[in-house]
Amino acid sequence: MKDLSPDQVARLRAAQEADPTSVRTFVPVPPEERPRRTRRTARVLVVDDRDRILLFADSDPGMPGRHWWMTPGGGIDPGESDLEAAVREVGEETGLELEPGALLGPIMARQVVHGYTDVVIDQEDVFFACWVPAFEVSDAGHTEEEKLTLAQHRWWSRDELLRTDEEIWPAALPQMWADADVRRRAAAAGEPAAPPADGGRVEESTVPA
């Protein structure tokens, strides 16, 4: 686990006390004793004008040295639409302010289970996509949890994504990116939007659920 300042610890504890059902403790427990939670998230494929996709290196503080790469995104708040959550999450995690019309989708929906050292999360994901000018990512809007778990960010080319030995969540991201391009061309041609693809049910875990 990263070392936190006393202020960060205090803010994280306050967040956990305010919403114990959604904020993780990061304290490892035996796999069979992990609490189980459910949530719905909006995630976004952010592609720049150099044909690179933005990914964040996420981690499980209970398992030092383990990380994986994922798209920007996060939980959908009560009363918030999927699209509203996608716009908000991109702004908070990257500093990029988008208009809702800049996002395409949802392009895919899936069920996923995340087994971590402290919790198991049954999650429903909806994915959007956007194409933007290259920009400098800002982490100023990151939550205390994100400051703890998100180690770095990086722009990836298609070739890098296909050739990497790094862990990518979702593993189907290269195909999702290609499918998003097809949907983008169809939208530009005025074709009706296709329903989101069915991503099925998968597991993405540091500790199997």
N, C-alpha and C. Protein backbone atom coordinates (compact mmCIF):
# COMPACT_ATOMS: atom_id res chain seq x y z
N MET A 1 0.84 -1.19 0.00
CA MET A 1 0.00 0.00 0.00
C MET A 1 0.87 1.24 0.00
N LYS A 2 0.45 2.25 -0.76
CA LYS A 2 1.21 3.50 -0.76
C LYS A 2 1.13 4.16 0.60
N ASP A 3 2.18 4.88 0.97
CA ASP A 3 2.15 5.65 2.20
C ASP A 3 1.25 6.85 2.01
N LEU A 4 0.35 7.05 2.95
CA LEU A 4 -0.57 8.18 2.90
C LEU A 4 -0.20 9.19 3.97
N SER A 5 -0.48 10.44 3.66
CA SER A 5 -0.29 11.48 4.65
C SER A 5 -1.41 11.38 5.68
N PRO A 6 -1.22 11.94 6.88
CA PRO A 6 -2.29 11.91 7.87
C PRO A 6 -3.60 12.52 7.36
N ASP A 7 -3.50 13.57 6.54
CA ASP A 7 -4.71 14.19 5.99
C ASP A 7 -5.42 13.23 5.05
N GLN A 8 -4.66 12.50 4.23
CA GLN A 8 -5.28 11.54 3.32
C GLN A 8 -5.96 10.42 4.08
N VAL A 9 -5.31 9.93 5.12
CA VAL A 9 -5.91 8.87 5.94
C VAL A 9 -7.21 9.36 6.56
N ALA A 10 -7.19 10.57 7.08
CA ALA A 10 -8.39 11.13 7.72
C ALA A 10 -9.53 11.27 6.71
N ARG A 11 -9.21 11.72 5.49
CA ARG A 11 -10.25 11.91 4.48
C ARG A 11 -10.79 10.56 4.01
N LEU A 12 -9.91 9.57 3.87
CA LEU A 12 -10.36 8.25 3.46
C LEU A 12 -11.27 7.63 4.52
N ARG A 13 -10.88 7.76 5.79
CA ARG A 13 -11.72 7.22 6.86
C ARG A 13 -13.07 7.93 6.90
N ALA A 14 -13.07 9.23 6.69
CA ALA A 14 -14.32 9.98 6.69
C ALA A 14 -15.23 9.53 5.56
N ALA A 15 -14.63 9.27 4.40
CA ALA A 15 -15.41 8.80 3.25
C ALA A 15 -15.99 7.42 3.53
N GLN A 16 -15.21 6.56 4.17
CA GLN A 16 -15.69 5.22 4.51
C GLN A 16 -16.84 5.29 5.50
N GLU A 17 -16.73 6.17 6.48
CA GLU A 17 -17.79 6.31 7.47
C GLU A 17 -19.06 6.88 6.85
N ALA A 18 -18.89 7.79 5.88
CA ALA A 18 -20.05 8.42 5.25
C ALA A 18 -20.77 7.45 4.33
N ASP A 19 -20.04 6.55 3.68
CA ASP A 19 -20.66 5.62 2.73
C ASP A 19 -19.94 4.28 2.79
N PRO A 20 -20.15 3.51 3.85
CA PRO A 20 -19.42 2.24 4.02
C PRO A 20 -19.78 1.18 3.00
N THR A 21 -20.90 1.34 2.28
CA THR A 21 -21.30 0.33 1.31
C THR A 21 -20.57 0.46 -0.01
N SER A 22 -19.94 1.59 -0.28
CA SER A 22 -19.30 1.77 -1.57
C SER A 22 -17.80 2.06 -1.48
N VAL A 23 -17.34 2.53 -0.35
CA VAL A 23 -15.93 2.87 -0.20
C VAL A 23 -15.17 1.69 0.37
N ARG A 24 -14.08 1.30 -0.27
CA ARG A 24 -13.31 0.13 0.16
C ARG A 24 -12.47 0.44 1.39
N THR A 25 -12.16 -0.62 2.16
CA THR A 25 -11.32 -0.45 3.34
C THR A 25 -9.85 -0.68 3.02
N PHE A 26 -9.56 -1.49 1.99
CA PHE A 26 -8.20 -1.87 1.59
C PHE A 26 -7.49 -2.72 2.65
N VAL A 27 -8.22 -3.24 3.62
CA VAL A 27 -7.64 -4.12 4.63
C VAL A 27 -7.88 -5.56 4.18
N PRO A 28 -6.82 -6.32 3.83
CA PRO A 28 -7.02 -7.68 3.34
C PRO A 28 -7.69 -8.57 4.38
N VAL A 29 -8.59 -9.42 3.92
CA VAL A 29 -9.27 -10.39 4.77
C VAL A 29 -9.21 -11.75 4.07
N PRO A 30 -9.41 -12.86 4.79
CA PRO A 30 -9.44 -14.16 4.13
C PRO A 30 -10.46 -14.16 2.99
N PRO A 31 -10.14 -14.79 1.87
CA PRO A 31 -11.01 -14.73 0.69
C PRO A 31 -12.47 -15.06 0.98
N GLU A 32 -12.70 -16.06 1.83
CA GLU A 32 -14.08 -16.47 2.10
C GLU A 32 -14.83 -15.49 2.99
N GLU A 33 -14.11 -14.53 3.59
CA GLU A 33 -14.75 -13.57 4.50
C GLU A 33 -14.93 -12.19 3.86
N ARG A 34 -14.56 -12.05 2.60
CA ARG A 34 -14.68 -10.74 1.96
C ARG A 34 -16.15 -10.33 1.81
N PRO A 35 -16.49 -9.09 2.14
CA PRO A 35 -17.87 -8.64 1.87
C PRO A 35 -18.10 -8.58 0.37
N ARG A 36 -19.36 -8.71 -0.03
CA ARG A 36 -19.71 -8.69 -1.44
C ARG A 36 -20.61 -7.49 -1.70
N ARG A 37 -20.28 -6.74 -2.73
CA ARG A 37 -21.04 -5.52 -3.05
C ARG A 37 -21.43 -5.53 -4.52
N THR A 38 -22.40 -4.72 -4.87
CA THR A 38 -22.81 -4.56 -6.27
C THR A 38 -22.76 -3.10 -6.64
N ARG A 39 -22.48 -2.83 -7.89
CA ARG A 39 -22.53 -1.45 -8.37
C ARG A 39 -22.62 -1.45 -9.89
N ARG A 40 -22.97 -0.30 -10.42
CA ARG A 40 -23.07 -0.08 -11.87
C ARG A 40 -22.10 1.04 -12.22
N THR A 41 -21.35 0.87 -13.30
CA THR A 41 -20.36 1.87 -13.66
C THR A 41 -20.49 2.29 -15.12
N ALA A 42 -19.98 3.48 -15.39
CA ALA A 42 -19.83 3.98 -16.76
C ALA A 42 -18.34 4.14 -17.03
N ARG A 43 -17.87 3.57 -18.13
CA ARG A 43 -16.46 3.62 -18.50
C ARG A 43 -16.34 4.19 -19.91
N VAL A 44 -15.18 4.80 -20.20
CA VAL A 44 -15.06 5.52 -21.47
C VAL A 44 -13.74 5.20 -22.15
N LEU A 45 -13.82 4.86 -23.44
CA LEU A 45 -12.64 4.77 -24.28
C LEU A 45 -12.32 6.18 -24.74
N VAL A 46 -11.24 6.76 -24.23
CA VAL A 46 -10.83 8.12 -24.60
C VAL A 46 -9.68 7.99 -25.60
N VAL A 47 -9.93 8.38 -26.85
CA VAL A 47 -8.96 8.23 -27.93
C VAL A 47 -8.56 9.62 -28.42
N ASP A 48 -7.26 9.86 -28.57
CA ASP A 48 -6.83 11.19 -29.01
C ASP A 48 -6.59 11.24 -30.52
N ASP A 49 -6.21 12.43 -31.01
CA ASP A 49 -6.05 12.62 -32.45
C ASP A 49 -4.75 12.04 -32.98
N ARG A 50 -3.99 11.37 -32.11
CA ARG A 50 -2.82 10.61 -32.56
C ARG A 50 -3.14 9.11 -32.57
N ASP A 51 -4.41 8.79 -32.45
CA ASP A 51 -4.90 7.41 -32.44
C ASP A 51 -4.29 6.62 -31.29
N ARG A 52 -4.36 7.21 -30.09
CA ARG A 52 -3.91 6.56 -28.87
C ARG A 52 -5.06 6.54 -27.88
N ILE A 53 -5.09 5.52 -27.04
CA ILE A 53 -6.15 5.39 -26.05
C ILE A 53 -5.56 5.61 -24.66
N LEU A 54 -6.32 6.29 -23.80
CA LEU A 54 -5.87 6.63 -22.46
C LEU A 54 -6.25 5.52 -21.48
N LEU A 55 -5.25 5.01 -20.75
CA LEU A 55 -5.50 4.00 -19.73
C LEU A 55 -4.81 4.40 -18.43
N PHE A 56 -5.39 3.96 -17.32
CA PHE A 56 -4.82 4.18 -15.99
C PHE A 56 -4.34 2.86 -15.43
N ALA A 57 -3.21 2.89 -14.72
CA ALA A 57 -2.71 1.72 -14.01
C ALA A 57 -3.37 1.69 -12.64
N ASP A 58 -4.22 0.70 -12.43
CA ASP A 58 -4.92 0.53 -11.16
C ASP A 58 -4.22 -0.56 -10.35
N SER A 59 -4.50 -0.62 -9.05
CA SER A 59 -3.81 -1.58 -8.19
C SER A 59 -4.71 -2.03 -7.05
N ASP A 60 -4.28 -3.10 -6.41
CA ASP A 60 -4.93 -3.62 -5.20
C ASP A 60 -3.93 -3.41 -4.06
N PRO A 61 -4.15 -2.42 -3.19
CA PRO A 61 -3.16 -2.14 -2.14
C PRO A 61 -2.85 -3.32 -1.24
N GLY A 62 -3.75 -4.29 -1.18
CA GLY A 62 -3.50 -5.47 -0.37
C GLY A 62 -2.58 -6.48 -1.05
N MET A 63 -2.22 -6.20 -2.30
CA MET A 63 -1.34 -7.09 -3.05
C MET A 63 -0.25 -6.24 -3.71
N PRO A 64 0.77 -5.83 -2.95
CA PRO A 64 1.81 -4.94 -3.49
C PRO A 64 2.45 -5.51 -4.75
N GLY A 65 2.70 -4.62 -5.70
CA GLY A 65 3.36 -5.00 -6.94
C GLY A 65 2.42 -5.42 -8.05
N ARG A 66 1.16 -5.67 -7.73
CA ARG A 66 0.18 -6.09 -8.75
C ARG A 66 -0.53 -4.86 -9.30
N HIS A 67 -0.61 -4.76 -10.64
CA HIS A 67 -1.38 -3.68 -11.24
C HIS A 67 -1.93 -4.15 -12.58
N TRP A 68 -2.87 -3.39 -13.10
CA TRP A 68 -3.47 -3.65 -14.40
C TRP A 68 -3.87 -2.31 -14.99
N TRP A 69 -4.15 -2.28 -16.29
CA TRP A 69 -4.50 -1.04 -16.98
C TRP A 69 -5.98 -1.06 -17.33
N MET A 70 -6.64 0.09 -17.15
CA MET A 70 -8.07 0.16 -17.39
C MET A 70 -8.44 1.53 -17.95
N THR A 71 -9.64 1.62 -18.51
CA THR A 71 -10.14 2.87 -19.05
C THR A 71 -10.62 3.79 -17.93
N PRO A 72 -10.71 5.10 -18.18
CA PRO A 72 -11.35 5.98 -17.20
C PRO A 72 -12.80 5.57 -16.97
N GLY A 73 -13.30 5.84 -15.78
CA GLY A 73 -14.69 5.54 -15.48
C GLY A 73 -14.87 5.20 -14.02
N GLY A 74 -16.13 5.04 -13.62
CA GLY A 74 -16.41 4.72 -12.23
C GLY A 74 -17.90 4.60 -11.97
N GLY A 75 -18.25 4.55 -10.70
CA GLY A 75 -19.62 4.29 -10.30
C GLY A 75 -20.61 5.35 -10.72
N ILE A 76 -21.82 4.90 -11.05
CA ILE A 76 -22.92 5.79 -11.41
C ILE A 76 -23.66 6.17 -10.14
N ASP A 77 -23.81 7.47 -9.90
CA ASP A 77 -24.46 7.96 -8.70
C ASP A 77 -25.97 7.80 -8.79
N PRO A 78 -26.66 7.72 -7.65
CA PRO A 78 -28.12 7.64 -7.67
C PRO A 78 -28.73 8.83 -8.41
N GLY A 79 -29.69 8.55 -9.28
CA GLY A 79 -30.36 9.60 -10.04
C GLY A 79 -29.59 10.08 -11.26
N GLU A 80 -28.41 9.53 -11.49
CA GLU A 80 -27.56 9.94 -12.60
C GLU A 80 -27.74 8.96 -13.76
N SER A 81 -27.79 9.49 -14.98
CA SER A 81 -27.87 8.61 -16.14
C SER A 81 -26.49 8.04 -16.45
N ASP A 82 -26.46 6.99 -17.26
CA ASP A 82 -25.18 6.40 -17.66
C ASP A 82 -24.31 7.44 -18.35
N LEU A 83 -24.91 8.21 -19.25
CA LEU A 83 -24.16 9.22 -20.00
C LEU A 83 -23.65 10.33 -19.09
N GLU A 84 -24.49 10.78 -18.17
CA GLU A 84 -24.06 11.81 -17.23
C GLU A 84 -22.88 11.32 -16.39
N ALA A 85 -22.94 10.07 -15.97
CA ALA A 85 -21.84 9.52 -15.18
C ALA A 85 -20.57 9.43 -16.01
N ALA A 86 -20.68 9.05 -17.27
CA ALA A 86 -19.51 8.94 -18.13
C ALA A 86 -18.83 10.30 -18.29
N VAL A 87 -19.61 11.34 -18.53
CA VAL A 87 -19.07 12.70 -18.67
C VAL A 87 -18.39 13.13 -17.37
N ARG A 88 -19.06 12.91 -16.25
CA ARG A 88 -18.51 13.32 -14.95
C ARG A 88 -17.22 12.58 -14.64
N GLU A 89 -17.21 11.27 -14.86
CA GLU A 89 -16.03 10.47 -14.53
C GLU A 89 -14.82 10.88 -15.38
N VAL A 90 -15.02 11.15 -16.65
CA VAL A 90 -13.90 11.61 -17.48
C VAL A 90 -13.35 12.93 -16.94
N GLY A 91 -14.25 13.84 -16.57
CA GLY A 91 -13.80 15.11 -16.02
C GLY A 91 -13.02 14.94 -14.73
N GLU A 92 -13.53 14.10 -13.82
CA GLU A 92 -12.86 13.92 -12.53
C GLU A 92 -11.52 13.21 -12.66
N GLU A 93 -11.46 12.22 -13.54
CA GLU A 93 -10.26 11.39 -13.60
C GLU A 93 -9.19 11.93 -14.54
N THR A 94 -9.59 12.73 -15.52
CA THR A 94 -8.61 13.21 -16.50
C THR A 94 -8.48 14.72 -16.56
N GLY A 95 -9.47 15.45 -16.03
CA GLY A 95 -9.48 16.90 -16.15
C GLY A 95 -10.11 17.39 -17.44
N LEU A 96 -10.53 16.50 -18.32
CA LEU A 96 -11.11 16.87 -19.61
C LEU A 96 -12.62 17.06 -19.46
N GLU A 97 -13.08 18.25 -19.77
CA GLU A 97 -14.51 18.55 -19.70
C GLU A 97 -15.15 18.29 -21.06
N LEU A 98 -16.12 17.39 -21.09
CA LEU A 98 -16.78 17.01 -22.34
C LEU A 98 -18.25 17.39 -22.31
N GLU A 99 -18.80 17.66 -23.50
CA GLU A 99 -20.24 17.78 -23.65
C GLU A 99 -20.80 16.38 -23.86
N PRO A 100 -21.99 16.11 -23.37
CA PRO A 100 -22.56 14.76 -23.55
C PRO A 100 -22.57 14.30 -25.00
N GLY A 101 -22.78 15.23 -25.93
CA GLY A 101 -22.82 14.86 -27.33
C GLY A 101 -21.50 14.41 -27.90
N ALA A 102 -20.42 14.60 -27.15
CA ALA A 102 -19.10 14.18 -27.63
C ALA A 102 -18.89 12.68 -27.43
N LEU A 103 -19.76 12.04 -26.65
CA LEU A 103 -19.60 10.62 -26.38
C LEU A 103 -20.47 9.79 -27.30
N LEU A 104 -19.93 8.69 -27.75
CA LEU A 104 -20.65 7.72 -28.57
C LEU A 104 -21.01 6.53 -27.69
N GLY A 105 -22.27 6.09 -27.82
CA GLY A 105 -22.63 4.89 -27.08
C GLY A 105 -23.88 5.03 -26.25
N PRO A 106 -24.08 4.01 -25.39
CA PRO A 106 -23.11 2.99 -25.00
C PRO A 106 -22.78 2.02 -26.13
N ILE A 107 -21.50 1.61 -26.17
CA ILE A 107 -21.05 0.72 -27.22
C ILE A 107 -21.00 -0.73 -26.75
N MET A 108 -20.91 -0.94 -25.44
CA MET A 108 -20.91 -2.29 -24.91
C MET A 108 -21.40 -2.28 -23.47
N ALA A 109 -22.05 -3.35 -23.08
CA ALA A 109 -22.47 -3.56 -21.68
C ALA A 109 -22.06 -4.97 -21.28
N ARG A 110 -21.66 -5.13 -20.02
CA ARG A 110 -21.22 -6.44 -19.57
C ARG A 110 -21.44 -6.58 -18.07
N GLN A 111 -21.36 -7.81 -17.61
CA GLN A 111 -21.35 -8.13 -16.19
C GLN A 111 -19.94 -8.57 -15.84
N VAL A 112 -19.39 -8.07 -14.74
CA VAL A 112 -18.03 -8.43 -14.36
C VAL A 112 -17.96 -8.59 -12.84
N VAL A 113 -17.16 -9.53 -12.39
CA VAL A 113 -16.92 -9.70 -10.96
C VAL A 113 -15.46 -9.36 -10.70
N HIS A 114 -15.22 -8.51 -9.70
CA HIS A 114 -13.87 -8.12 -9.30
C HIS A 114 -13.61 -8.68 -7.91
N GLY A 115 -12.66 -9.58 -7.82
CA GLY A 115 -12.25 -10.09 -6.52
C GLY A 115 -10.96 -9.43 -6.09
N TYR A 116 -11.00 -8.65 -5.02
CA TYR A 116 -9.81 -7.99 -4.47
C TYR A 116 -9.47 -8.63 -3.11
N THR A 117 -8.40 -8.18 -2.49
CA THR A 117 -8.01 -8.74 -1.20
C THR A 117 -8.95 -8.33 -0.07
N ASP A 118 -9.76 -7.30 -0.29
CA ASP A 118 -10.64 -6.81 0.79
C ASP A 118 -12.12 -6.90 0.48
N VAL A 119 -12.49 -7.18 -0.78
CA VAL A 119 -13.91 -7.13 -1.16
C VAL A 119 -14.10 -7.86 -2.49
N VAL A 120 -15.33 -8.31 -2.72
CA VAL A 120 -15.75 -8.82 -4.03
C VAL A 120 -16.85 -7.90 -4.54
N ILE A 121 -16.69 -7.43 -5.78
CA ILE A 121 -17.66 -6.50 -6.35
C ILE A 121 -18.30 -7.12 -7.58
N ASP A 122 -19.61 -7.29 -7.54
CA ASP A 122 -20.38 -7.68 -8.71
C ASP A 122 -20.79 -6.40 -9.43
N GLN A 123 -20.33 -6.26 -10.66
CA GLN A 123 -20.42 -4.95 -11.31
C GLN A 123 -21.07 -5.06 -12.69
N GLU A 124 -21.86 -4.06 -13.01
CA GLU A 124 -22.44 -3.93 -14.35
C GLU A 124 -21.78 -2.71 -15.00
N ASP A 125 -21.09 -2.93 -16.11
CA ASP A 125 -20.38 -1.86 -16.81
C ASP A 125 -21.10 -1.48 -18.09
N VAL A 126 -21.14 -0.17 -18.37
CA VAL A 126 -21.55 0.31 -19.69
C VAL A 126 -20.39 1.15 -20.23
N PHE A 127 -20.02 0.92 -21.47
CA PHE A 127 -18.88 1.60 -22.08
C PHE A 127 -19.33 2.59 -23.14
N PHE A 128 -18.68 3.76 -23.12
CA PHE A 128 -18.85 4.79 -24.14
C PHE A 128 -17.48 5.01 -24.81
N ALA A 129 -17.45 5.86 -25.83
CA ALA A 129 -16.19 6.20 -26.49
C ALA A 129 -16.23 7.66 -26.91
N CYS A 130 -15.06 8.28 -26.93
CA CYS A 130 -14.95 9.66 -27.44
C CYS A 130 -13.60 9.83 -28.11
N TRP A 131 -13.54 10.79 -29.03
CA TRP A 131 -12.32 11.10 -29.77
C TRP A 131 -12.02 12.58 -29.54
N VAL A 132 -10.84 12.88 -29.02
CA VAL A 132 -10.53 14.23 -28.56
C VAL A 132 -9.12 14.62 -29.00
N PRO A 133 -8.82 15.92 -29.03
CA PRO A 133 -7.43 16.33 -29.25
C PRO A 133 -6.55 15.85 -28.10
N ALA A 134 -5.29 15.58 -28.39
CA ALA A 134 -4.35 15.17 -27.33
C ALA A 134 -4.32 16.23 -26.24
N PHE A 135 -4.25 15.82 -24.99
CA PHE A 135 -4.26 16.76 -23.88
C PHE A 135 -3.45 16.20 -22.72
N GLU A 136 -3.08 17.08 -21.79
CA GLU A 136 -2.36 16.69 -20.59
C GLU A 136 -3.37 16.24 -19.53
N VAL A 137 -3.20 15.06 -19.03
CA VAL A 137 -4.12 14.52 -18.03
C VAL A 137 -3.86 15.16 -16.68
N SER A 138 -4.94 15.54 -15.99
CA SER A 138 -4.85 16.11 -14.65
C SER A 138 -5.50 15.14 -13.66
N ASP A 139 -4.82 14.90 -12.53
CA ASP A 139 -5.40 14.06 -11.48
C ASP A 139 -5.96 14.88 -10.33
N ALA A 140 -6.18 16.16 -10.56
CA ALA A 140 -6.66 17.04 -9.49
C ALA A 140 -8.02 16.62 -8.95
N GLY A 141 -8.82 15.94 -9.77
CA GLY A 141 -10.15 15.55 -9.33
C GLY A 141 -10.23 14.15 -8.77
N HIS A 142 -9.09 13.49 -8.57
CA HIS A 142 -9.11 12.13 -8.06
C HIS A 142 -9.58 12.07 -6.62
N THR A 143 -10.35 11.02 -6.31
CA THR A 143 -10.80 10.81 -4.94
C THR A 143 -9.65 10.25 -4.10
N GLU A 144 -9.87 10.14 -2.79
CA GLU A 144 -8.84 9.57 -1.93
C GLU A 144 -8.55 8.13 -2.33
N GLU A 145 -9.57 7.38 -2.70
CA GLU A 145 -9.35 6.01 -3.16
C GLU A 145 -8.48 5.99 -4.40
N GLU A 146 -8.79 6.84 -5.35
CA GLU A 146 -8.04 6.87 -6.61
C GLU A 146 -6.59 7.31 -6.39
N LYS A 147 -6.38 8.22 -5.45
CA LYS A 147 -5.01 8.63 -5.14
C LYS A 147 -4.22 7.46 -4.56
N LEU A 148 -4.92 6.55 -3.93
CA LEU A 148 -4.28 5.40 -3.31
C LEU A 148 -4.01 4.28 -4.32
N THR A 149 -4.94 4.07 -5.24
CA THR A 149 -4.85 2.90 -6.12
C THR A 149 -4.34 3.19 -7.52
N LEU A 150 -4.56 4.40 -8.05
CA LEU A 150 -4.14 4.70 -9.42
C LEU A 150 -2.68 5.14 -9.43
N ALA A 151 -1.83 4.29 -9.98
CA ALA A 151 -0.39 4.54 -9.92
C ALA A 151 0.09 5.50 -10.99
N GLN A 152 -0.47 5.42 -12.20
CA GLN A 152 -0.01 6.24 -13.32
C GLN A 152 -1.03 6.18 -14.44
N HIS A 153 -0.81 6.99 -15.46
CA HIS A 153 -1.63 6.92 -16.67
C HIS A 153 -0.71 6.91 -17.88
N ARG A 154 -1.24 6.49 -19.00
CA ARG A 154 -0.43 6.38 -20.20
C ARG A 154 -1.33 6.33 -21.43
N TRP A 155 -0.86 6.94 -22.51
CA TRP A 155 -1.54 6.84 -23.80
C TRP A 155 -0.93 5.66 -24.57
N TRP A 156 -1.79 4.77 -25.08
CA TRP A 156 -1.36 3.55 -25.76
C TRP A 156 -1.74 3.60 -27.23
N SER A 157 -0.82 3.18 -28.10
CA SER A 157 -1.16 2.99 -29.50
C SER A 157 -1.84 1.62 -29.65
N ARG A 158 -2.45 1.39 -30.80
CA ARG A 158 -3.09 0.09 -31.04
C ARG A 158 -2.06 -1.03 -31.00
N ASP A 159 -0.93 -0.79 -31.63
CA ASP A 159 0.11 -1.83 -31.68
C ASP A 159 0.63 -2.14 -30.28
N GLU A 160 0.84 -1.11 -29.46
CA GLU A 160 1.30 -1.34 -28.09
C GLU A 160 0.29 -2.16 -27.30
N LEU A 161 -0.98 -1.86 -27.52
CA LEU A 161 -2.04 -2.57 -26.79
C LEU A 161 -2.07 -4.05 -27.19
N LEU A 162 -1.86 -4.32 -28.46
CA LEU A 162 -1.90 -5.69 -28.95
C LEU A 162 -0.67 -6.50 -28.53
N ARG A 163 0.48 -5.84 -28.40
CA ARG A 163 1.73 -6.54 -28.15
C ARG A 163 2.12 -6.62 -26.67
N THR A 164 1.47 -5.85 -25.82
CA THR A 164 1.90 -5.77 -24.43
C THR A 164 1.70 -7.07 -23.66
N ASP A 165 2.59 -7.31 -22.70
CA ASP A 165 2.41 -8.40 -21.74
C ASP A 165 1.71 -7.92 -20.47
N GLU A 166 1.45 -6.61 -20.40
CA GLU A 166 0.76 -6.05 -19.24
C GLU A 166 -0.69 -6.54 -19.21
N GLU A 167 -1.27 -6.54 -18.01
CA GLU A 167 -2.66 -6.95 -17.86
C GLU A 167 -3.58 -5.79 -18.22
N ILE A 168 -4.53 -6.04 -19.09
CA ILE A 168 -5.48 -5.02 -19.54
C ILE A 168 -6.88 -5.46 -19.14
N TRP A 169 -7.61 -4.55 -18.49
CA TRP A 169 -9.02 -4.81 -18.16
C TRP A 169 -9.88 -3.79 -18.89
N PRO A 170 -10.79 -4.17 -19.77
CA PRO A 170 -11.09 -5.54 -20.16
C PRO A 170 -10.09 -6.07 -21.18
N ALA A 171 -9.92 -7.39 -21.18
CA ALA A 171 -8.98 -8.01 -22.11
C ALA A 171 -9.40 -7.80 -23.55
N ALA A 172 -10.70 -7.60 -23.78
CA ALA A 172 -11.23 -7.41 -25.13
C ALA A 172 -11.10 -5.98 -25.62
N LEU A 173 -10.33 -5.14 -24.93
CA LEU A 173 -10.26 -3.72 -25.29
C LEU A 173 -9.84 -3.47 -26.73
N PRO A 174 -8.83 -4.16 -27.28
CA PRO A 174 -8.48 -3.89 -28.69
C PRO A 174 -9.67 -4.08 -29.65
N GLN A 175 -10.45 -5.13 -29.45
CA GLN A 175 -11.61 -5.35 -30.31
C GLN A 175 -12.69 -4.31 -30.04
N MET A 176 -12.86 -3.91 -28.78
CA MET A 176 -13.83 -2.85 -28.46
C MET A 176 -13.46 -1.56 -29.17
N TRP A 177 -12.18 -1.25 -29.19
CA TRP A 177 -11.70 -0.03 -29.85
C TRP A 177 -12.02 -0.10 -31.35
N ALA A 178 -11.75 -1.24 -31.97
CA ALA A 178 -12.05 -1.41 -33.38
C ALA A 178 -13.55 -1.30 -33.64
N ASP A 179 -14.36 -1.91 -32.78
CA ASP A 179 -15.81 -1.81 -32.93
C ASP A 179 -16.30 -0.39 -32.76
N ALA A 180 -15.68 0.35 -31.83
CA ALA A 180 -16.06 1.75 -31.64
C ALA A 180 -15.79 2.57 -32.89
N ASP A 181 -14.69 2.29 -33.58
CA ASP A 181 -14.40 2.99 -34.83
C ASP A 181 -15.49 2.73 -35.87
N VAL A 182 -15.95 1.48 -35.95
CA VAL A 182 -17.02 1.14 -36.90
C VAL A 182 -18.29 1.90 -36.56
N ARG A 183 -18.62 1.95 -35.28
CA ARG A 183 -19.81 2.67 -34.85
C ARG A 183 -19.69 4.17 -35.13
N ARG A 184 -18.49 4.69 -34.96
CA ARG A 184 -18.27 6.12 -35.23
C ARG A 184 -18.50 6.44 -36.70
N ARG A 185 -17.98 5.59 -37.58
CA ARG A 185 -18.19 5.82 -39.02
C ARG A 185 -19.66 5.69 -39.39
N ALA A 186 -20.34 4.74 -38.76
CA ALA A 186 -21.77 4.57 -39.04
C ALA A 186 -22.56 5.79 -38.58
N ALA A 187 -22.20 6.34 -37.41
CA ALA A 187 -22.89 7.53 -36.91
C ALA A 187 -22.65 8.71 -37.83
N ALA A 188 -21.41 8.86 -38.34
CA ALA A 188 -21.09 9.96 -39.25
C ALA A 188 -21.87 9.85 -40.55
N ALA A 189 -22.21 8.61 -40.93
CA ALA A 189 -22.97 8.39 -42.16
C ALA A 189 -24.47 8.51 -41.93
N GLY A 190 -24.87 8.81 -40.70
CA GLY A 190 -26.27 8.98 -40.39
C GLY A 190 -27.04 7.70 -40.16
N GLU A 191 -26.33 6.60 -39.96
CA GLU A 191 -27.01 5.33 -39.73
C GLU A 191 -27.54 5.26 -38.30
N PRO A 192 -28.64 4.55 -38.08
CA PRO A 192 -29.18 4.42 -36.72
C PRO A 192 -28.16 3.78 -35.78
N ALA A 193 -28.17 4.22 -34.55
CA ALA A 193 -27.23 3.68 -33.57
C ALA A 193 -27.57 2.22 -33.26
N ALA A 194 -26.55 1.39 -33.27
CA ALA A 194 -26.74 -0.02 -32.92
C ALA A 194 -26.82 -0.15 -31.40
N PRO A 195 -27.53 -1.14 -30.90
CA PRO A 195 -27.57 -1.36 -29.45
C PRO A 195 -26.19 -1.74 -28.94
N PRO A 196 -25.94 -1.55 -27.67
CA PRO A 196 -24.62 -1.91 -27.15
C PRO A 196 -24.34 -3.40 -27.32
N ALA A 197 -23.10 -3.71 -27.63
CA ALA A 197 -22.71 -5.11 -27.75
C ALA A 197 -22.79 -5.79 -26.39
N ASP A 198 -23.03 -7.07 -26.39
CA ASP A 198 -23.12 -7.85 -25.16
C ASP A 198 -21.73 -8.37 -24.82
N GLY A 199 -21.13 -7.81 -23.75
CA GLY A 199 -19.80 -8.24 -23.34
C GLY A 199 -19.80 -9.48 -22.47
N GLY A 200 -20.99 -10.03 -22.20
CA GLY A 200 -21.07 -11.26 -21.41
C GLY A 200 -20.75 -11.04 -19.95
N ARG A 201 -20.36 -12.12 -19.29
CA ARG A 201 -19.97 -12.07 -17.89
C ARG A 201 -18.54 -12.55 -17.77
N VAL A 202 -17.68 -11.75 -17.15
CA VAL A 202 -16.27 -12.08 -17.03
C VAL A 202 -15.81 -11.85 -15.60
N GLU A 203 -14.62 -12.33 -15.30
CA GLU A 203 -14.01 -12.06 -14.00
C GLU A 203 -12.68 -11.36 -14.21
N GLU A 204 -12.45 -10.29 -13.45
CA GLU A 204 -11.20 -9.55 -13.45
C GLU A 204 -10.80 -9.37 -12.00
N SER A 205 -9.90 -10.22 -11.52
CA SER A 205 -9.64 -10.28 -10.08
C SER A 205 -8.16 -10.39 -9.76
N THR A 206 -7.76 -9.83 -8.63
CA THR A 206 -6.46 -10.12 -8.08
C THR A 206 -6.51 -11.36 -7.20
N VAL A 207 -7.66 -11.56 -6.54
CA VAL A 207 -7.94 -12.77 -5.77
C VAL A 207 -9.25 -13.32 -6.30
N PRO A 208 -9.27 -14.52 -6.89
CA PRO A 208 -10.50 -15.03 -7.51
C PRO A 208 -11.71 -14.93 -6.59
N ALA A 209 -12.83 -14.56 -7.19
CA ALA A 209 -14.07 -14.43 -6.43
C ALA A 209 -14.66 -15.80 -6.12
